Every structure is written in structure tokens, then in C-alpha cells.
């Protein structure tokens, strides 16, 4: 092993050619070639070939994280808006691995089309982790707002265990009051409070969306200035919370709890969500972000208008 190291050190670190190495070590040149091959095979030498676009992507991710004051940004290449599950799964998988979840840890999963699509994508194994919905969704007509199904799908893909939230997103005031004394709902609230990680879809401005929870009055004047939502917590472009009639009875993870989750990951792509992502970052609803290159450039045009 020492001979391998000496040959590898001279060739890769000191830029000595093989003929000179052979002379110094008093071996033949073919022997030097075999030594270098063996050093690579056993892992003593690791060669990395970086595609030029990857270096650009890494630089863009760092710039975006700094602009939004986030811990980290995971960037998918190009435009992934047409393939939300497979297109974002590698970056979401990396974000999940960075959470370092252990058995018994809590992972929250929001509603929305993006997180719904990830429920059928390839994600890391999470044995013993509990996947918990962030919002009610029992009576929604569209599958990407059926939060129990999203939790079940992610748990099935990862080997985790799902927890279920048996209520709609916006119950009547009477039902909401009863929920506060329901043992199952109290258990969900305790899981929210102890969450280690969260996968949070970022919704577009409600006035631009063709699909939204049926309980949201998107034509209400209070929502006309909304930049987006996370777990049906709406905010403007500066991150200020927006309320609407009935929102005080919404069954959702409260904003302060979202802000306290150590490994919260916002997930969104599409230029139409650039303002939504900026607003969500200002609201501090997530600490890390998964998006794509095209969306990142649109966000930076908003964050740095003078440069654009």
C-alpha cells in the first residue's frame, strides 16, 4: 500500500510523469501504470469529472440561498415543471438524507400537486419514521389535496409509517371547537410540535390557480394580494400573513410551528411561483428549498431587479 501511495502521490499531486516515477522507484514504466490503476481501484485515488453545467448549477444554488437567506438550495437542471415527481426526486432525496432522520422522528408532508407527485417517486428509505399530514383534507375532490393519501404514499415509498388526520381543511366553527378536545387530533398536534423535517409544497397566488382547496375563497378581496401559501397559510410577497373569513378555523400546521421545524424544505417549480417562493422565504416557513434552474433565475430577477 505504501508503494501505491508513493506512485499515486508523485503522479497526481506532484505532476511527475510515469517515466520519472519508474526511474525514482527503480521499477519499469508498465509497473508504474499498474500501480496507478490499482490505486484507483482500491479507492486511494478518486477522480471526479464535473460537467460544466453542474458547476454553473452549484454556483446558482449558492447565489439563490444567499438571496433568500436560506440554509441550502437543491437545484434540478433546466425546467422540471412537466415532471414534478421524477424531475425533483433526486434533489428531494438529497434533502431528506440531509435531515438524518432516525426511527421515531417525525416528517411532515403538505398537500399540493408537487408533494403528491413525489409520493410515487423514488425516495430514500425511512424505516421507523412517521409521516404526518400538515392540513386536513378528508373531503377534497382532487387527490393532491387528500392529505392522508399523500402521507400514506410517501410512507409506502420510504418504508415509513403514516399518521392520519381525520378531518376536512375548514370545518365549521362548532366542529373546530370539538376537534380541540379530540384525542386523535391532539395526537396529530403533538406530532406537529415535535417534527424534525417537513416537505412543504409552495402554492402559487390563489388568483392565478386553476386548482385550489375547495374551502379557499380565492375571489375574496383579502386573498387578492396573496403571493402564495404553504399548508394553506397564505402570505404576501413580503411574507406577511394573510387571513380570510373562516381562516381562524383552518386545520393546518400553525405558522410558528412551521418556522420552528429544524429541517423544513420548501418545494416548488415554475416561473409563476417565483413570487410565492420569495414570499414563503420571507415568512421563514422553510429553511431549505428544492427548485429548478429556470425557476431559480426567475426568483433572482425578483430578488435582484437592478441586476436583471
Protein backbone atom coordinates (compact mmCIF):
# COMPACT_ATOMS: atom_id res chain seq x y z
CA UNK A 1 0.00 0.00 0.00
CA UNK A 2 2.89 2.35 0.70
CA UNK A 3 4.22 1.71 -2.83
CA UNK A 4 0.80 2.52 -4.29
CA UNK A 5 0.67 5.71 -2.27
CA UNK A 6 4.13 6.88 -3.35
CA UNK A 7 3.35 6.31 -7.03
CA UNK A 8 -0.06 7.99 -6.79
CA UNK A 9 1.28 10.95 -4.81
CA UNK A 10 4.05 11.67 -7.32
CA UNK A 11 1.78 11.29 -10.36
CA UNK A 12 -1.40 13.05 -9.19
CA UNK A 13 -0.13 15.57 -6.64
CA UNK A 14 3.41 16.36 -7.76
CA UNK A 15 2.79 16.10 -11.52
CA UNK A 16 5.71 13.70 -12.07
CA UNK A 17 5.46 11.71 -15.32
CA UNK A 18 5.44 7.91 -15.31
CA UNK A 19 8.94 7.57 -16.76
CA UNK A 20 10.42 9.67 -13.95
CA UNK A 21 8.41 7.74 -11.33
CA UNK A 22 9.75 4.45 -12.73
CA UNK A 23 13.29 5.78 -12.50
CA UNK A 24 12.84 7.05 -8.94
CA UNK A 25 11.17 3.87 -7.69
CA UNK A 26 13.51 1.62 -9.71
CA UNK A 27 10.67 -0.23 -11.44
CA UNK A 28 9.52 -0.48 -15.06
CA UNK A 29 7.13 2.03 -16.60
CA UNK A 30 4.41 -0.66 -17.11
CA UNK A 31 4.70 -1.38 -13.37
CA UNK A 32 4.04 2.29 -12.61
CA UNK A 33 0.96 2.18 -14.83
CA UNK A 34 -0.31 -0.89 -12.98
CA UNK A 35 0.36 0.78 -9.61
CA UNK A 36 -1.70 3.82 -10.61
CA UNK A 37 -4.57 1.63 -11.83
CA UNK A 38 -4.52 -0.31 -8.56
CA UNK A 39 -4.51 2.93 -6.53
CA UNK A 40 -7.71 3.98 -8.30
CA UNK A 41 -9.29 0.55 -7.91
CA UNK A 42 -8.80 0.40 -4.12
CA UNK A 43 -10.09 3.95 -3.68
CA UNK A 44 -6.75 5.54 -2.79
CA UNK A 45 -7.23 7.86 -5.78
CA UNK A 46 -10.64 9.36 -6.53
CA UNK A 47 -11.11 11.19 -9.83
CA UNK A 48 -14.10 13.48 -10.30
CA UNK A 49 -15.17 14.68 -13.73
CA UNK A 50 -17.56 17.62 -13.37
CA UNK A 51 -19.82 18.60 -16.26
CA UNK A 52 -19.58 22.36 -16.89
CA UNK A 53 -23.32 22.84 -16.37
CA UNK A 54 -23.06 21.24 -12.91
CA UNK A 55 -20.56 23.85 -11.78
CA UNK A 56 -22.92 26.58 -13.01
CA UNK A 57 -25.85 24.93 -11.21
CA UNK A 58 -23.91 24.74 -7.94
CA UNK A 59 -22.99 28.41 -8.20
CA UNK A 60 -26.61 29.36 -8.92
CA UNK A 61 -27.80 27.34 -5.91
CA UNK A 62 -25.40 29.19 -3.61
CA UNK A 63 -26.44 32.56 -5.04
CA UNK A 64 -30.13 31.74 -4.57
CA UNK A 65 -29.62 30.55 -1.00
CA UNK A 66 -27.87 33.81 -0.16
CA UNK A 67 -30.56 35.93 -1.86
CA UNK A 68 -33.36 34.22 0.09
CA UNK A 69 -31.39 33.83 3.33
CA UNK A 70 -31.78 30.04 3.28
CA UNK A 71 -29.52 27.32 4.63
CA UNK A 72 -29.34 25.45 1.32
CA UNK A 73 -30.90 25.22 -2.14
CA UNK A 74 -31.14 21.95 -4.09
CA UNK A 75 -31.35 22.70 -7.82
CA UNK A 76 -32.67 20.41 -10.53
CA UNK A 77 -31.46 21.11 -14.05
CA UNK A 78 -33.45 23.10 -16.63
CA UNK A 79 -37.27 23.16 -16.32
CA UNK A 80 -38.91 20.35 -14.33
CA UNK A 81 -42.47 21.72 -14.24
CA UNK A 82 -43.65 18.94 -16.56
CA UNK A 83 -42.19 16.09 -14.48
CA UNK A 84 -42.61 17.03 -10.83
CA UNK A 85 -42.07 13.57 -9.38
CA UNK A 86 -39.11 12.11 -11.29
CA UNK A 87 -37.69 15.54 -12.11
CA UNK A 88 -37.35 16.63 -8.49
CA UNK A 89 -36.91 13.25 -6.75
CA UNK A 90 -33.05 13.31 -6.77
CA UNK A 91 -32.95 16.74 -5.12
CA UNK A 92 -35.74 15.91 -2.64
CA UNK A 93 -33.94 12.65 -1.82
CA UNK A 94 -30.75 14.59 -1.08
CA UNK A 95 -32.71 16.99 1.11
CA UNK A 96 -34.25 14.06 3.02
CA UNK A 97 -30.85 12.42 3.53
CA UNK A 98 -29.52 15.72 4.88
CA UNK A 99 -32.27 15.61 7.55
CA UNK A 100 -30.58 12.49 9.02
CA UNK A 101 -33.92 11.15 10.23
CA UNK A 102 -33.91 8.27 12.69
CA UNK A 103 -36.64 5.82 13.75
CA UNK A 104 -39.27 7.68 15.73
CA UNK A 105 -38.57 11.04 14.06
CA UNK A 106 -41.46 12.98 12.52
CA UNK A 107 -41.57 14.07 8.87
CA UNK A 108 -44.43 16.39 7.89
CA UNK A 109 -45.85 16.27 4.35
CA UNK A 110 -48.01 19.05 2.92
CA UNK A 111 -50.76 18.84 0.36
CA UNK A 112 -50.43 20.05 -3.24
CA UNK A 113 -49.64 18.57 -6.62
CA UNK A 114 -45.83 18.61 -6.23
CA UNK A 115 -45.69 16.66 -2.96
CA UNK A 116 -48.47 14.40 -4.26
CA UNK A 117 -46.35 13.51 -7.33
CA UNK A 118 -43.32 12.86 -5.12
CA UNK A 119 -45.39 10.24 -3.31
CA UNK A 120 -44.95 7.92 -6.29
CA UNK A 121 -41.27 8.77 -6.94
CA UNK A 122 -38.15 7.01 -5.72
CA UNK A 123 -37.21 8.40 -2.27
CA UNK A 124 -34.76 7.24 0.44
CA UNK A 125 -35.75 4.53 2.89
CA UNK A 126 -37.01 5.88 6.24
CA UNK A 127 -37.76 2.87 8.45
CA UNK A 128 -39.46 3.85 11.70
CA UNK A 129 -40.02 7.47 10.66
CA UNK A 130 -43.61 8.77 10.99
CA UNK A 131 -45.05 10.74 8.04
CA UNK A 132 -47.73 13.20 9.17
CA UNK A 133 -50.16 15.36 7.13
CA UNK A 134 -49.92 19.11 7.75
CA UNK A 135 -53.52 20.02 6.90
CA UNK A 136 -56.98 18.49 6.84
CA UNK A 137 -58.24 17.17 3.52
CA UNK A 138 -60.81 14.45 4.00
CA UNK A 139 -63.50 15.92 1.73
CA UNK A 140 -61.36 17.32 -1.10
CA UNK A 141 -62.34 16.17 -4.62
CA UNK A 142 -58.80 16.28 -6.06
CA UNK A 143 -56.21 13.68 -5.00
CA UNK A 144 -53.40 16.20 -4.39
CA UNK A 145 -55.44 17.73 -1.55
CA UNK A 146 -56.20 14.34 0.03
CA UNK A 147 -53.52 14.71 2.68
CA UNK A 148 -53.93 11.27 4.26
CA UNK A 149 -53.33 9.65 0.87
CA UNK A 150 -50.19 11.74 0.37
CA UNK A 151 -48.84 10.66 3.77
CA UNK A 152 -49.69 7.04 3.01
CA UNK A 153 -47.97 7.15 -0.42
CA UNK A 154 -44.77 8.71 0.91
CA UNK A 155 -44.69 6.22 3.78
CA UNK A 156 -45.16 3.33 1.36
CA UNK A 157 -42.31 4.55 -0.87
CA UNK A 158 -39.90 5.06 2.02
CA UNK A 159 -40.79 2.29 4.46
CA UNK A 160 -42.02 4.85 6.99
CA UNK A 161 -45.28 4.77 8.97
CA UNK A 162 -48.16 7.15 8.14
CA UNK A 163 -50.27 9.05 10.62
CA UNK A 164 -53.71 10.25 9.54
CA UNK A 165 -55.69 13.42 10.12
CA UNK A 166 -59.41 12.64 10.06
CA UNK A 167 -60.97 16.00 9.26
CA UNK A 168 -61.53 18.44 6.43
CA UNK A 169 -59.39 21.52 5.93
CA UNK A 170 -62.01 24.02 7.08
CA UNK A 171 -64.62 22.53 9.44
CA UNK A 172 -67.50 24.51 10.88
CA UNK A 173 -66.73 26.60 13.99
CA UNK A 174 -68.61 24.01 16.06
CA UNK A 175 -66.63 21.10 14.62
CA UNK A 176 -63.36 23.00 15.01
CA UNK A 177 -64.13 23.56 18.69
CA UNK A 178 -64.86 19.85 19.18
CA UNK A 179 -61.60 18.90 17.45
CA UNK A 180 -59.60 20.69 20.13
CA UNK A 181 -60.76 18.00 22.59
CA UNK A 182 -60.44 15.03 20.23
CA UNK A 183 -57.63 12.62 21.27
CA UNK A 184 -56.70 11.75 17.66
CA UNK A 185 -56.40 15.41 16.70
CA UNK A 186 -54.43 16.20 19.85
CA UNK A 187 -52.00 13.42 18.89
CA UNK A 188 -51.51 14.99 15.45
CA UNK A 189 -50.86 18.36 17.07
CA UNK A 190 -48.20 16.78 19.30
CA UNK A 191 -46.56 15.24 16.23
CA UNK A 192 -46.54 18.64 14.51
CA UNK A 193 -44.83 20.13 17.56
CA UNK A 194 -42.07 17.50 17.59
CA UNK A 195 -41.37 17.35 13.83
CA UNK A 196 -37.75 17.13 12.72
CA UNK A 197 -38.37 17.62 8.99
CA UNK A 198 -41.03 18.76 6.56
CA UNK A 199 -41.67 18.54 2.81
CA UNK A 200 -43.68 21.65 2.01
CA UNK A 201 -45.24 22.38 -1.36
CA UNK A 202 -45.41 26.10 -2.13
CA UNK A 203 -48.68 27.21 -3.71
CA UNK A 204 -48.94 29.88 -6.41
CA UNK A 205 -51.01 33.07 -5.93
CA UNK A 206 -54.62 31.89 -5.44
CA UNK A 207 -56.00 34.25 -8.11
CA UNK A 208 -53.83 32.53 -10.76
CA UNK A 209 -54.58 28.92 -9.83
CA UNK A 210 -56.91 26.59 -11.65
CA UNK A 211 -56.77 24.15 -8.71
CA UNK A 212 -57.08 25.02 -5.03
CA UNK A 213 -58.67 23.57 -1.92
CA UNK A 214 -62.43 23.89 -2.26
CA UNK A 215 -62.57 25.70 1.11
CA UNK A 216 -60.46 28.65 -0.04
CA UNK A 217 -62.48 31.70 -1.22
CA UNK A 218 -59.89 32.73 -3.81
CA UNK A 219 -62.06 35.61 -5.04
CA UNK A 220 -62.14 37.17 -1.59
CA UNK A 221 -60.51 40.62 -1.51
CA UNK A 222 -58.16 39.59 1.29
CA UNK A 223 -56.57 36.94 -0.95
CA UNK A 224 -56.14 39.21 -3.97
CA UNK A 225 -52.72 40.29 -2.68
CA UNK A 226 -51.59 36.81 -1.65
CA UNK A 227 -48.33 35.67 -3.23
CA UNK A 228 -48.94 32.06 -2.26
CA UNK A 229 -49.44 29.63 0.59
CA UNK A 230 -47.75 26.83 2.47
CA UNK A 231 -50.09 24.38 4.20
CA UNK A 232 -52.94 26.82 3.48
CA UNK A 233 -51.14 29.54 5.45
CA UNK A 234 -51.31 32.44 3.00
CA UNK A 235 -48.77 35.26 2.79
CA UNK A 236 -47.95 38.28 0.63
CA UNK A 237 -44.73 38.94 -1.28
CA UNK A 238 -43.09 40.29 1.89
CA UNK A 239 -44.03 37.23 3.92
CA UNK A 240 -46.79 38.89 5.95
CA UNK A 241 -49.61 36.52 6.89
CA UNK A 242 -52.96 36.97 5.14
CA UNK A 243 -56.24 35.99 6.77
CA UNK A 244 -59.65 35.48 5.19
CA UNK A 245 -63.14 34.77 6.54
CA UNK A 246 -63.01 31.42 8.34
CA UNK A 247 -59.22 31.05 8.30
CA UNK A 248 -59.18 31.07 12.10
CA UNK A 249 -60.84 27.62 11.93
CA UNK A 250 -58.44 26.16 9.37
CA UNK A 251 -56.99 22.77 10.37
CA UNK A 252 -53.36 23.30 9.49
CA UNK A 253 -49.88 23.38 10.99
CA UNK A 254 -49.63 26.88 12.50
CA UNK A 255 -47.07 29.33 11.05
CA UNK A 256 -44.97 29.48 14.22
CA UNK A 257 -44.67 25.69 14.24
CA UNK A 258 -43.58 25.68 10.59
CA UNK A 259 -40.87 28.19 11.45
CA UNK A 260 -39.60 26.00 14.30
CA UNK A 261 -39.04 22.82 12.26
CA UNK A 262 -35.26 22.26 12.05
CA UNK A 263 -35.19 20.69 8.56
CA UNK A 264 -38.07 22.27 6.65
CA UNK A 265 -37.84 22.07 2.85
CA UNK A 266 -39.96 24.17 0.50
CA UNK A 267 -40.58 22.56 -2.90
CA UNK A 268 -41.79 24.40 -6.00
CA UNK A 269 -41.00 24.94 -9.69
CA UNK A 270 -42.36 27.25 -12.35
CA UNK A 271 -41.83 30.94 -13.08
CA UNK A 272 -45.39 31.62 -11.89
CA UNK A 273 -44.27 30.53 -8.40
CA UNK A 274 -41.23 32.80 -8.19
CA UNK A 275 -43.09 35.40 -6.08
CA UNK A 276 -44.61 32.60 -3.99
CA UNK A 277 -41.16 31.21 -3.17
CA UNK A 278 -39.81 34.65 -2.31
CA UNK A 279 -42.80 35.35 -0.03
CA UNK A 280 -42.52 31.96 1.68
CA UNK A 281 -38.80 32.52 2.29
CA UNK A 282 -39.53 35.97 3.76
CA UNK A 283 -42.16 34.38 6.01
CA UNK A 284 -39.46 31.88 7.12
CA UNK A 285 -41.80 28.96 6.51
CA UNK A 286 -38.90 26.86 5.19
CA UNK A 287 -35.14 26.79 5.71
CA UNK A 288 -34.15 24.89 2.57
CA UNK A 289 -35.54 24.88 -0.96
CA UNK A 290 -35.90 22.41 -3.85
CA UNK A 291 -36.49 24.02 -7.24
CA UNK A 292 -35.07 24.01 -10.79
CA UNK A 293 -32.68 26.23 -12.72
CA UNK A 294 -35.38 28.04 -14.69
CA UNK A 295 -37.31 28.93 -11.54
CA UNK A 296 -34.11 29.97 -9.75
CA UNK A 297 -33.36 32.51 -12.47
CA UNK A 298 -36.91 33.90 -12.25
CA UNK A 299 -36.55 34.23 -8.47
CA UNK A 300 -33.26 36.10 -8.77
CA UNK A 301 -34.84 38.55 -11.20
CA UNK A 302 -37.29 39.41 -8.42
CA UNK A 303 -34.69 39.36 -5.65
CA UNK A 304 -32.19 41.44 -7.67
CA UNK A 305 -34.30 43.56 -10.05
CA UNK A 306 -31.49 46.03 -10.75
CA UNK A 307 -29.18 43.25 -11.94
CA UNK A 308 -31.95 41.81 -14.15
